[in-house]
Amino acid sequence: MADVARPGEPPRRYPRTARINEVVLETLADELERLSDPRLGFVTLTGVEVSPDLRQATVYYSVLGPAEQHEATSKALHHAGSHLRAVLGHQVRLKYLPRLSFREDPAITTGQRVEDIIRELHRQEEQ
């Protein structure tokens, strides 16, 4: 199914992997809400990148709380990985069921660092 472009405009593209990323993210986020592991209380899935061959998916997440909470969440996600993969296999029809790997979203950490720098600059200006 091809999109019809208006004259003078490039055709809109919706790459298959981008759609799959969205479906996988939604499915995993819904299942995380159902899990009863208290270590997953402050986790938010922020994105998924499925490889073009659909065999690997990197799931990005963010965590609220101290460093100990980050470590506990990482362990809980890795522990729940096989369950999440099974749920994904039941709910999403794909040629291959991707292996899941979890990574803390670097954008969140970078954003927090920038915010801390800005706050410090404002404190210095006030003094």
N, C-alpha and C. Protein backbone atom coordinates (compact mmCIF):
# COMPACT_ATOMS: atom_id res chain seq x y z
N MET A 1 0.84 -1.16 0.00
CA MET A 1 0.00 0.00 0.00
C MET A 1 0.90 1.23 0.00
N ALA A 2 0.81 2.02 -1.01
CA ALA A 2 1.66 3.19 -1.15
C ALA A 2 0.85 4.45 -0.86
N ASP A 3 1.48 5.41 -0.22
CA ASP A 3 0.85 6.70 0.00
C ASP A 3 0.92 7.52 -1.27
N VAL A 4 -0.14 8.24 -1.52
CA VAL A 4 -0.16 9.12 -2.69
C VAL A 4 0.30 10.49 -2.21
N ALA A 5 1.35 10.99 -2.84
CA ALA A 5 1.90 12.28 -2.46
C ALA A 5 1.22 13.38 -3.27
N ARG A 6 1.08 14.52 -2.64
CA ARG A 6 0.58 15.68 -3.36
C ARG A 6 1.70 16.18 -4.26
N PRO A 7 1.35 16.83 -5.33
CA PRO A 7 2.40 17.35 -6.21
C PRO A 7 3.33 18.29 -5.44
N GLY A 8 4.62 18.09 -5.61
CA GLY A 8 5.61 18.94 -4.97
C GLY A 8 6.00 18.51 -3.57
N GLU A 9 5.32 17.48 -3.03
CA GLU A 9 5.65 16.99 -1.69
C GLU A 9 6.23 15.59 -1.79
N PRO A 10 7.21 15.30 -0.96
CA PRO A 10 7.75 13.92 -0.96
C PRO A 10 6.69 12.97 -0.38
N PRO A 11 6.71 11.73 -0.80
CA PRO A 11 5.76 10.77 -0.25
C PRO A 11 6.04 10.52 1.24
N ARG A 12 4.96 10.34 2.01
CA ARG A 12 5.13 10.04 3.42
C ARG A 12 5.55 8.59 3.55
N ARG A 13 6.48 8.36 4.43
CA ARG A 13 6.97 7.00 4.65
C ARG A 13 6.73 6.60 6.10
N TYR A 14 6.22 5.42 6.28
CA TYR A 14 6.04 4.85 7.61
C TYR A 14 6.79 3.53 7.61
N PRO A 15 8.07 3.57 7.93
CA PRO A 15 8.85 2.34 7.87
C PRO A 15 8.25 1.27 8.78
N ARG A 16 8.35 0.06 8.32
CA ARG A 16 7.79 -1.07 9.06
C ARG A 16 8.38 -1.17 10.45
N THR A 17 9.68 -0.99 10.56
CA THR A 17 10.30 -1.11 11.88
C THR A 17 9.80 -0.04 12.85
N ALA A 18 9.48 1.16 12.36
CA ALA A 18 8.94 2.20 13.23
C ALA A 18 7.58 1.78 13.78
N ARG A 19 6.75 1.19 12.94
CA ARG A 19 5.45 0.70 13.40
C ARG A 19 5.63 -0.44 14.40
N ILE A 20 6.56 -1.32 14.11
CA ILE A 20 6.82 -2.45 15.02
C ILE A 20 7.34 -1.93 16.36
N ASN A 21 8.23 -0.93 16.32
CA ASN A 21 8.74 -0.33 17.55
C ASN A 21 7.59 0.15 18.43
N GLU A 22 6.62 0.82 17.83
CA GLU A 22 5.48 1.35 18.58
C GLU A 22 4.63 0.23 19.18
N VAL A 23 4.37 -0.80 18.40
CA VAL A 23 3.54 -1.92 18.88
C VAL A 23 4.25 -2.66 20.01
N VAL A 24 5.54 -2.91 19.85
CA VAL A 24 6.31 -3.60 20.89
C VAL A 24 6.33 -2.76 22.17
N LEU A 25 6.58 -1.46 22.04
CA LEU A 25 6.60 -0.57 23.20
C LEU A 25 5.26 -0.60 23.94
N GLU A 26 4.19 -0.48 23.21
CA GLU A 26 2.86 -0.47 23.82
C GLU A 26 2.55 -1.80 24.53
N THR A 27 2.88 -2.90 23.88
CA THR A 27 2.63 -4.22 24.45
C THR A 27 3.43 -4.43 25.73
N LEU A 28 4.71 -4.09 25.70
CA LEU A 28 5.56 -4.28 26.88
C LEU A 28 5.15 -3.35 28.02
N ALA A 29 4.81 -2.11 27.70
CA ALA A 29 4.40 -1.16 28.74
C ALA A 29 3.11 -1.63 29.41
N ASP A 30 2.17 -2.13 28.62
CA ASP A 30 0.93 -2.65 29.19
C ASP A 30 1.21 -3.82 30.12
N GLU A 31 2.09 -4.72 29.72
CA GLU A 31 2.39 -5.89 30.54
C GLU A 31 3.15 -5.50 31.80
N LEU A 32 4.03 -4.51 31.72
CA LEU A 32 4.76 -4.07 32.91
C LEU A 32 3.81 -3.57 33.99
N GLU A 33 2.72 -2.91 33.56
CA GLU A 33 1.74 -2.43 34.53
C GLU A 33 1.08 -3.58 35.26
N ARG A 34 0.96 -4.74 34.62
CA ARG A 34 0.31 -5.90 35.23
C ARG A 34 1.23 -6.69 36.16
N LEU A 35 2.53 -6.53 36.01
CA LEU A 35 3.47 -7.29 36.84
C LEU A 35 3.43 -6.78 38.28
N SER A 36 3.62 -7.70 39.21
CA SER A 36 3.52 -7.33 40.62
C SER A 36 4.88 -7.13 41.28
N ASP A 37 5.94 -7.05 40.51
CA ASP A 37 7.27 -6.86 41.08
C ASP A 37 7.41 -5.43 41.59
N PRO A 38 7.61 -5.24 42.89
CA PRO A 38 7.71 -3.88 43.44
C PRO A 38 8.92 -3.11 42.92
N ARG A 39 9.93 -3.80 42.43
CA ARG A 39 11.11 -3.11 41.89
C ARG A 39 10.79 -2.37 40.60
N LEU A 40 9.64 -2.68 39.99
CA LEU A 40 9.25 -2.04 38.72
C LEU A 40 8.26 -0.90 38.93
N GLY A 41 8.12 -0.44 40.16
CA GLY A 41 7.13 0.59 40.47
C GLY A 41 7.40 1.94 39.83
N PHE A 42 8.64 2.29 39.65
CA PHE A 42 8.97 3.63 39.17
C PHE A 42 9.66 3.61 37.81
N VAL A 43 9.32 2.62 36.99
CA VAL A 43 9.95 2.50 35.67
C VAL A 43 8.96 2.94 34.59
N THR A 44 9.51 3.61 33.59
CA THR A 44 8.74 4.02 32.42
C THR A 44 9.51 3.58 31.19
N LEU A 45 8.85 2.87 30.28
CA LEU A 45 9.48 2.52 29.02
C LEU A 45 9.40 3.73 28.11
N THR A 46 10.55 4.13 27.58
CA THR A 46 10.62 5.36 26.79
C THR A 46 10.75 5.11 25.30
N GLY A 47 11.15 3.90 24.92
CA GLY A 47 11.30 3.63 23.49
C GLY A 47 11.78 2.21 23.25
N VAL A 48 11.62 1.79 22.00
CA VAL A 48 12.08 0.47 21.57
C VAL A 48 12.71 0.64 20.20
N GLU A 49 13.83 -0.03 20.00
CA GLU A 49 14.47 -0.08 18.68
C GLU A 49 14.59 -1.55 18.29
N VAL A 50 13.80 -1.97 17.32
CA VAL A 50 13.86 -3.33 16.82
C VAL A 50 14.82 -3.33 15.63
N SER A 51 15.71 -4.30 15.59
CA SER A 51 16.66 -4.38 14.48
C SER A 51 15.89 -4.65 13.19
N PRO A 52 16.44 -4.27 12.05
CA PRO A 52 15.75 -4.48 10.77
C PRO A 52 15.39 -5.94 10.48
N ASP A 53 16.17 -6.88 11.01
CA ASP A 53 15.86 -8.29 10.78
C ASP A 53 14.88 -8.84 11.83
N LEU A 54 14.42 -7.98 12.74
CA LEU A 54 13.42 -8.31 13.77
C LEU A 54 13.89 -9.34 14.79
N ARG A 55 15.17 -9.57 14.90
CA ARG A 55 15.66 -10.60 15.82
C ARG A 55 16.12 -10.03 17.16
N GLN A 56 16.30 -8.73 17.26
CA GLN A 56 16.78 -8.09 18.48
C GLN A 56 15.98 -6.82 18.72
N ALA A 57 15.58 -6.59 19.96
CA ALA A 57 14.90 -5.35 20.32
C ALA A 57 15.57 -4.77 21.56
N THR A 58 15.96 -3.51 21.47
CA THR A 58 16.51 -2.80 22.61
C THR A 58 15.39 -1.95 23.19
N VAL A 59 15.09 -2.19 24.46
CA VAL A 59 14.02 -1.48 25.14
C VAL A 59 14.66 -0.45 26.07
N TYR A 60 14.31 0.82 25.86
CA TYR A 60 14.86 1.90 26.68
C TYR A 60 13.86 2.25 27.79
N TYR A 61 14.40 2.52 28.98
CA TYR A 61 13.55 2.84 30.11
C TYR A 61 14.16 3.94 30.95
N SER A 62 13.31 4.56 31.77
CA SER A 62 13.79 5.53 32.75
C SER A 62 13.23 5.13 34.12
N VAL A 63 13.94 5.54 35.17
CA VAL A 63 13.58 5.18 36.53
C VAL A 63 13.63 6.42 37.40
N LEU A 64 12.63 6.58 38.24
CA LEU A 64 12.64 7.63 39.24
C LEU A 64 13.22 7.07 40.52
N GLY A 65 14.09 7.81 41.13
CA GLY A 65 14.61 7.37 42.42
C GLY A 65 16.12 7.35 42.47
N PRO A 66 16.64 6.93 43.62
CA PRO A 66 18.10 6.90 43.83
C PRO A 66 18.77 5.79 43.02
N ALA A 67 20.09 5.77 43.04
CA ALA A 67 20.87 4.80 42.27
C ALA A 67 20.49 3.37 42.61
N GLU A 68 20.17 3.11 43.89
CA GLU A 68 19.77 1.75 44.28
C GLU A 68 18.52 1.32 43.52
N GLN A 69 17.59 2.26 43.33
CA GLN A 69 16.35 1.95 42.60
C GLN A 69 16.67 1.63 41.14
N HIS A 70 17.63 2.32 40.55
CA HIS A 70 18.03 2.07 39.17
C HIS A 70 18.57 0.65 39.02
N GLU A 71 19.42 0.26 39.96
CA GLU A 71 20.00 -1.08 39.91
C GLU A 71 18.94 -2.16 40.09
N ALA A 72 18.04 -1.95 41.04
CA ALA A 72 16.97 -2.92 41.29
C ALA A 72 16.06 -3.04 40.08
N THR A 73 15.76 -1.93 39.46
CA THR A 73 14.90 -1.95 38.28
C THR A 73 15.57 -2.68 37.12
N SER A 74 16.85 -2.44 36.94
CA SER A 74 17.59 -3.12 35.88
C SER A 74 17.53 -4.63 36.08
N LYS A 75 17.77 -5.08 37.30
CA LYS A 75 17.72 -6.51 37.59
C LYS A 75 16.31 -7.07 37.38
N ALA A 76 15.30 -6.32 37.80
CA ALA A 76 13.91 -6.77 37.65
C ALA A 76 13.52 -6.88 36.18
N LEU A 77 13.95 -5.93 35.37
CA LEU A 77 13.62 -5.98 33.93
C LEU A 77 14.30 -7.18 33.28
N HIS A 78 15.55 -7.41 33.61
CA HIS A 78 16.26 -8.56 33.03
C HIS A 78 15.62 -9.87 33.50
N HIS A 79 15.17 -9.90 34.74
CA HIS A 79 14.51 -11.08 35.28
C HIS A 79 13.17 -11.32 34.57
N ALA A 80 12.45 -10.25 34.27
CA ALA A 80 11.13 -10.34 33.63
C ALA A 80 11.23 -10.48 32.11
N GLY A 81 12.43 -10.40 31.57
CA GLY A 81 12.61 -10.40 30.12
C GLY A 81 11.99 -11.57 29.40
N SER A 82 12.16 -12.78 29.91
CA SER A 82 11.60 -13.96 29.23
C SER A 82 10.08 -13.93 29.28
N HIS A 83 9.51 -13.48 30.40
CA HIS A 83 8.05 -13.37 30.49
C HIS A 83 7.54 -12.32 29.51
N LEU A 84 8.20 -11.18 29.46
CA LEU A 84 7.79 -10.11 28.54
C LEU A 84 7.90 -10.57 27.09
N ARG A 85 8.93 -11.33 26.79
CA ARG A 85 9.10 -11.84 25.43
C ARG A 85 7.98 -12.82 25.08
N ALA A 86 7.59 -13.66 26.03
CA ALA A 86 6.50 -14.61 25.80
C ALA A 86 5.18 -13.86 25.56
N VAL A 87 4.92 -12.84 26.35
CA VAL A 87 3.71 -12.04 26.17
C VAL A 87 3.73 -11.37 24.80
N LEU A 88 4.87 -10.87 24.42
CA LEU A 88 5.02 -10.25 23.10
C LEU A 88 4.70 -11.26 22.00
N GLY A 89 5.18 -12.48 22.15
CA GLY A 89 4.92 -13.53 21.17
C GLY A 89 3.45 -13.87 21.06
N HIS A 90 2.71 -13.78 22.17
CA HIS A 90 1.27 -14.09 22.15
C HIS A 90 0.45 -12.95 21.57
N GLN A 91 0.91 -11.71 21.74
CA GLN A 91 0.09 -10.56 21.37
C GLN A 91 0.44 -9.93 20.03
N VAL A 92 1.64 -10.15 19.55
CA VAL A 92 2.09 -9.51 18.31
C VAL A 92 2.56 -10.58 17.34
N ARG A 93 2.02 -10.55 16.14
CA ARG A 93 2.43 -11.52 15.14
C ARG A 93 3.62 -10.97 14.36
N LEU A 94 4.76 -11.61 14.55
CA LEU A 94 5.98 -11.23 13.85
C LEU A 94 6.62 -12.48 13.29
N LYS A 95 7.37 -12.31 12.22
CA LYS A 95 8.07 -13.45 11.64
C LYS A 95 9.05 -14.04 12.64
N TYR A 96 9.78 -13.18 13.34
CA TYR A 96 10.71 -13.59 14.39
C TYR A 96 10.32 -12.89 15.67
N LEU A 97 10.46 -13.58 16.77
CA LEU A 97 10.23 -12.97 18.07
C LEU A 97 11.57 -12.41 18.55
N PRO A 98 11.67 -11.08 18.67
CA PRO A 98 12.98 -10.50 19.01
C PRO A 98 13.41 -10.81 20.43
N ARG A 99 14.73 -10.98 20.60
CA ARG A 99 15.32 -11.06 21.93
C ARG A 99 15.32 -9.66 22.51
N LEU A 100 14.96 -9.54 23.77
CA LEU A 100 14.86 -8.23 24.40
C LEU A 100 16.10 -7.92 25.22
N SER A 101 16.62 -6.73 25.04
CA SER A 101 17.67 -6.24 25.92
C SER A 101 17.20 -4.89 26.45
N PHE A 102 17.51 -4.62 27.70
CA PHE A 102 17.03 -3.41 28.36
C PHE A 102 18.19 -2.48 28.65
N ARG A 103 17.97 -1.19 28.33
CA ARG A 103 19.00 -0.17 28.59
C ARG A 103 18.34 1.06 29.16
N GLU A 104 18.99 1.62 30.16
CA GLU A 104 18.47 2.88 30.69
C GLU A 104 18.62 3.95 29.63
N ASP A 105 17.59 4.72 29.43
CA ASP A 105 17.56 5.73 28.37
C ASP A 105 18.59 6.82 28.66
N PRO A 106 19.60 6.96 27.81
CA PRO A 106 20.64 7.97 28.06
C PRO A 106 20.11 9.39 27.94
N ALA A 107 19.04 9.59 27.19
CA ALA A 107 18.49 10.93 27.03
C ALA A 107 17.96 11.46 28.35
N ILE A 108 17.39 10.59 29.16
CA ILE A 108 16.86 11.01 30.45
C ILE A 108 17.99 11.47 31.36
N THR A 109 19.06 10.70 31.42
CA THR A 109 20.21 11.05 32.25
C THR A 109 20.85 12.35 31.77
N THR A 110 20.99 12.48 30.46
CA THR A 110 21.57 13.70 29.89
C THR A 110 20.69 14.91 30.19
N GLY A 111 19.39 14.75 30.03
CA GLY A 111 18.46 15.84 30.33
C GLY A 111 18.53 16.25 31.79
N GLN A 112 18.63 15.28 32.68
CA GLN A 112 18.73 15.57 34.11
C GLN A 112 20.02 16.33 34.41
N ARG A 113 21.10 15.92 33.74
CA ARG A 113 22.39 16.59 33.95
C ARG A 113 22.33 18.04 33.48
N VAL A 114 21.72 18.28 32.33
CA VAL A 114 21.57 19.64 31.81
C VAL A 114 20.72 20.48 32.76
N GLU A 115 19.64 19.88 33.27
CA GLU A 115 18.77 20.58 34.21
C GLU A 115 19.53 20.95 35.48
N ASP A 116 20.36 20.04 35.99
CA ASP A 116 21.16 20.33 37.18
C ASP A 116 22.14 21.47 36.94
N ILE A 117 22.75 21.50 35.77
CA ILE A 117 23.69 22.58 35.43
C ILE A 117 22.97 23.92 35.38
N ILE A 118 21.78 23.93 34.78
CA ILE A 118 21.01 25.18 34.69
C ILE A 118 20.61 25.67 36.08
N ARG A 119 20.18 24.75 36.94
CA ARG A 119 19.83 25.14 38.31
C ARG A 119 21.03 25.73 39.04
N GLU A 120 22.18 25.11 38.87
CA GLU A 120 23.39 25.60 39.53
C GLU A 120 23.74 27.00 39.01
N LEU A 121 23.60 27.22 37.71
CA LEU A 121 23.87 28.55 37.15
C LEU A 121 22.91 29.59 37.73
N HIS A 122 21.65 29.24 37.88
CA HIS A 122 20.68 30.17 38.47
C HIS A 122 21.02 30.47 39.92
N ARG A 123 21.47 29.46 40.68
CA ARG A 123 21.86 29.69 42.07
C ARG A 123 23.05 30.65 42.16
N GLN A 124 24.01 30.48 41.24
CA GLN A 124 25.18 31.34 41.24
C GLN A 124 24.80 32.77 40.89
N GLU A 125 23.84 32.95 39.99
CA GLU A 125 23.39 34.29 39.62
C GLU A 125 22.69 34.99 40.78
N GLU A 126 21.96 34.23 41.58
CA GLU A 126 21.21 34.80 42.70
C GLU A 126 22.13 35.25 43.83
N GLN A 127 23.30 34.68 43.93
CA GLN A 127 24.22 35.01 45.04
C GLN A 127 25.01 36.26 44.78
